[in-house]
Amino acid sequence: MTPRMLTVLLVRAPGPRQIEQRELRLPAGSTLGQALQAAGWSIEGVDEVGLWGRKAPLDRTLHDGDRVELYRPLRVDPKRARRERFGRQGARTAGLFARRRPGSKPGY
């Protein structure tokens, strides 16, 4: 009887607008840390590691079809970046009612 194998997808973004993906076949019962070792990816400079968008410890057991993700630390607080972007655009050109039909009332 051959040992059962599972397939996982490893995803990371080393820089802005860059994505690296690698599909691995691992023995059943492998952990998140073992998957990173098998891929040759270090966790230096990585803020968090997770499965399907949720933080997970390195000793978490993987299942077939799991998506392992490495998260970089944020450089700017998302709320602050949104406020600054909104300030540059102005209140009338941003948001839900930015594109109105000609001649329509404000808010429609």
C-alpha atoms as a PDB file:
ATOM      1  CA  MET A   1       0.000   0.000   0.000  1.00  0.00           C
ATOM      2  CA  THR A   2       1.454   3.380  -1.011  1.00  0.00           C
ATOM      3  CA  PRO A   3       1.456   6.248   1.476  1.00  0.00           C
ATOM      4  CA  ARG A   4      -1.329   8.768   0.917  1.00  0.00           C
ATOM      5  CA  MET A   5      -0.198  12.087  -0.551  1.00  0.00           C
ATOM      6  CA  LEU A   6      -1.846  15.489  -0.381  1.00  0.00           C
ATOM      7  CA  THR A   7      -1.532  18.483  -2.674  1.00  0.00           C
ATOM      8  CA  VAL A   8      -1.217  22.002  -1.251  1.00  0.00           C
ATOM      9  CA  LEU A   9      -0.746  25.390  -2.883  1.00  0.00           C
ATOM     10  CA  LEU A  10       1.797  27.798  -1.386  1.00  0.00           C
ATOM     11  CA  VAL A  11       1.337  31.498  -2.159  1.00  0.00           C
ATOM     12  CA  ARG A  12       3.415  34.542  -1.245  1.00  0.00           C
ATOM     13  CA  ALA A  13       3.874  38.114  -2.416  1.00  0.00           C
ATOM     14  CA  PRO A  14       7.556  39.049  -2.173  1.00  0.00           C
ATOM     15  CA  GLY A  15       6.854  42.628  -3.287  1.00  0.00           C
ATOM     16  CA  PRO A  16       4.083  44.916  -4.461  1.00  0.00           C
ATOM     17  CA  ARG A  17       2.144  43.449  -7.408  1.00  0.00           C
ATOM     18  CA  GLN A  18       4.246  40.261  -7.354  1.00  0.00           C
ATOM     19  CA  ILE A  19       2.804  36.832  -6.593  1.00  0.00           C
ATOM     20  CA  GLU A  20       4.612  33.512  -6.392  1.00  0.00           C
ATOM     21  CA  GLN A  21       2.707  30.227  -6.294  1.00  0.00           C
ATOM     22  CA  ARG A  22       4.004  26.722  -5.894  1.00  0.00           C
ATOM     23  CA  GLU A  23       2.050  23.483  -5.806  1.00  0.00           C
ATOM     24  CA  LEU A  24       3.509  20.751  -3.600  1.00  0.00           C
ATOM     25  CA  ARG A  25       2.765  17.083  -3.051  1.00  0.00           C
ATOM     26  CA  LEU A  26       3.438  16.097   0.540  1.00  0.00           C
ATOM     27  CA  PRO A  27       2.844  12.978   2.624  1.00  0.00           C
ATOM     28  CA  ALA A  28      -0.415  12.937   4.601  1.00  0.00           C
ATOM     29  CA  GLY A  29      -0.016  14.414   8.079  1.00  0.00           C
ATOM     30  CA  SER A  30       2.473  17.107   6.994  1.00  0.00           C
ATOM     31  CA  THR A  31       2.433  20.412   8.844  1.00  0.00           C
ATOM     32  CA  LEU A  32       2.460  23.977   7.626  1.00  0.00           C
ATOM     33  CA  GLY A  33       6.112  24.354   8.681  1.00  0.00           C
ATOM     34  CA  GLN A  34       7.109  21.196   6.794  1.00  0.00           C
ATOM     35  CA  ALA A  35       5.415  22.525   3.652  1.00  0.00           C
ATOM     36  CA  LEU A  36       7.446  25.740   3.855  1.00  0.00           C
ATOM     37  CA  GLN A  37      10.625  23.710   4.347  1.00  0.00           C
ATOM     38  CA  ALA A  38       9.818  21.489   1.357  1.00  0.00           C
ATOM     39  CA  ALA A  39       9.245  24.575  -0.814  1.00  0.00           C
ATOM     40  CA  GLY A  40      12.534  26.110   0.368  1.00  0.00           C
ATOM     41  CA  TRP A  41      10.766  29.287   1.500  1.00  0.00           C
ATOM     42  CA  SER A  42      12.047  30.973   4.630  1.00  0.00           C
ATOM     43  CA  ILE A  43       9.793  32.851   7.000  1.00  0.00           C
ATOM     44  CA  GLU A  44      12.251  35.736   7.386  1.00  0.00           C
ATOM     45  CA  GLY A  45      10.545  39.045   6.705  1.00  0.00           C
ATOM     46  CA  VAL A  46       7.153  37.364   6.933  1.00  0.00           C
ATOM     47  CA  ASP A  47       4.625  38.869   9.318  1.00  0.00           C
ATOM     48  CA  GLU A  48       2.199  35.937   9.531  1.00  0.00           C
ATOM     49  CA  VAL A  49       1.541  32.533   8.001  1.00  0.00           C
ATOM     50  CA  GLY A  50      -1.965  31.274   7.356  1.00  0.00           C
ATOM     51  CA  LEU A  51      -4.364  28.930   5.615  1.00  0.00           C
ATOM     52  CA  TRP A  52      -7.065  30.339   3.363  1.00  0.00           C
ATOM     53  CA  GLY A  53      -6.718  33.901   4.739  1.00  0.00           C
ATOM     54  CA  ARG A  54      -6.680  32.948   8.429  1.00  0.00           C
ATOM     55  CA  LYS A  55      -3.619  32.918  10.681  1.00  0.00           C
ATOM     56  CA  ALA A  56      -2.337  29.463  11.540  1.00  0.00           C
ATOM     57  CA  PRO A  57       0.586  28.095  13.604  1.00  0.00           C
ATOM     58  CA  LEU A  58       3.475  26.304  11.891  1.00  0.00           C
ATOM     59  CA  ASP A  59       2.531  23.005  13.576  1.00  0.00           C
ATOM     60  CA  ARG A  60      -0.959  22.974  11.996  1.00  0.00           C
ATOM     61  CA  THR A  61      -1.661  19.752  10.071  1.00  0.00           C
ATOM     62  CA  LEU A  62      -2.493  20.288   6.400  1.00  0.00           C
ATOM     63  CA  HIS A  63      -5.331  18.763   4.409  1.00  0.00           C
ATOM     64  CA  ASP A  64      -5.536  18.020   0.704  1.00  0.00           C
ATOM     65  CA  GLY A  65      -6.240  21.191  -1.308  1.00  0.00           C
ATOM     66  CA  ASP A  66      -5.148  23.659   1.406  1.00  0.00           C
ATOM     67  CA  ARG A  67      -3.826  27.070   0.378  1.00  0.00           C
ATOM     68  CA  VAL A  68      -0.843  28.135   2.512  1.00  0.00           C
ATOM     69  CA  GLU A  69      -0.228  31.904   2.492  1.00  0.00           C
ATOM     70  CA  LEU A  70       2.684  34.018   3.726  1.00  0.00           C
ATOM     71  CA  TYR A  71       1.793  37.572   4.708  1.00  0.00           C
ATOM     72  CA  ARG A  72       4.181  40.528   4.569  1.00  0.00           C
ATOM     73  CA  PRO A  73       3.969  43.218   7.251  1.00  0.00           C
ATOM     74  CA  LEU A  74       1.897  46.259   6.272  1.00  0.00           C
ATOM     75  CA  ARG A  75       3.911  49.384   5.510  1.00  0.00           C
ATOM     76  CA  VAL A  76       1.007  51.765   5.985  1.00  0.00           C
ATOM     77  CA  ASP A  77      -2.107  51.452   8.108  1.00  0.00           C
ATOM     78  CA  PRO A  78      -4.985  50.781   5.640  1.00  0.00           C
ATOM     79  CA  LYS A  79      -7.276  53.292   7.379  1.00  0.00           C
ATOM     80  CA  ARG A  80      -4.655  56.009   7.146  1.00  0.00           C
ATOM     81  CA  ALA A  81      -3.962  55.255   3.473  1.00  0.00           C
ATOM     82  CA  ARG A  82      -7.701  55.473   2.711  1.00  0.00           C
ATOM     83  CA  ARG A  83      -8.003  58.836   4.509  1.00  0.00           C
ATOM     84  CA  GLU A  84      -5.048  60.240   2.577  1.00  0.00           C
ATOM     85  CA  ARG A  85      -6.408  58.953  -0.738  1.00  0.00           C
ATOM     86  CA  PHE A  86      -9.826  60.426   0.042  1.00  0.00           C
ATOM     87  CA  GLY A  87      -8.200  63.748   0.924  1.00  0.00           C
ATOM     88  CA  ARG A  88      -6.400  63.890  -2.428  1.00  0.00           C
ATOM     89  CA  GLN A  89      -9.502  62.943  -4.430  1.00  0.00           C
ATOM     90  CA  GLY A  90     -11.924  65.184  -2.587  1.00  0.00           C
ATOM     91  CA  ALA A  91     -15.373  64.364  -1.276  1.00  0.00           C
ATOM     92  CA  ARG A  92     -17.210  64.921  -4.569  1.00  0.00           C
ATOM     93  CA  THR A  93     -15.073  62.594  -6.700  1.00  0.00           C
ATOM     94  CA  ALA A  94     -14.883  59.634  -4.334  1.00  0.00           C
ATOM     95  CA  GLY A  95     -17.333  57.207  -2.857  1.00  0.00           C
ATOM     96  CA  LEU A  96     -20.681  55.734  -3.741  1.00  0.00           C
ATOM     97  CA  PHE A  97     -22.192  58.802  -5.444  1.00  0.00           C
ATOM     98  CA  ALA A  98     -19.136  59.966  -7.390  1.00  0.00           C
ATOM     99  CA  ARG A  99     -20.637  59.111 -10.808  1.00  0.00           C
ATOM    100  CA  ARG A 100     -24.112  60.630 -11.052  1.00  0.00           C
ATOM    101  CA  ARG A 101     -26.331  60.809 -14.068  1.00  0.00           C
ATOM    102  CA  PRO A 102     -26.338  64.269 -15.659  1.00  0.00           C
ATOM    103  CA  GLY A 103     -29.090  66.463 -14.206  1.00  0.00           C
ATOM    104  CA  SER A 104     -29.830  64.111 -11.291  1.00  0.00           C
ATOM    105  CA  LYS A 105     -30.257  65.258  -7.701  1.00  0.00           C
ATOM    106  CA  PRO A 106     -27.309  64.840  -5.302  1.00  0.00           C
ATOM    107  CA  GLY A 107     -27.290  61.336  -3.811  1.00  0.00           C
ATOM    108  CA  TYR A 108     -29.036  59.666  -6.774  1.00  0.00           C
END
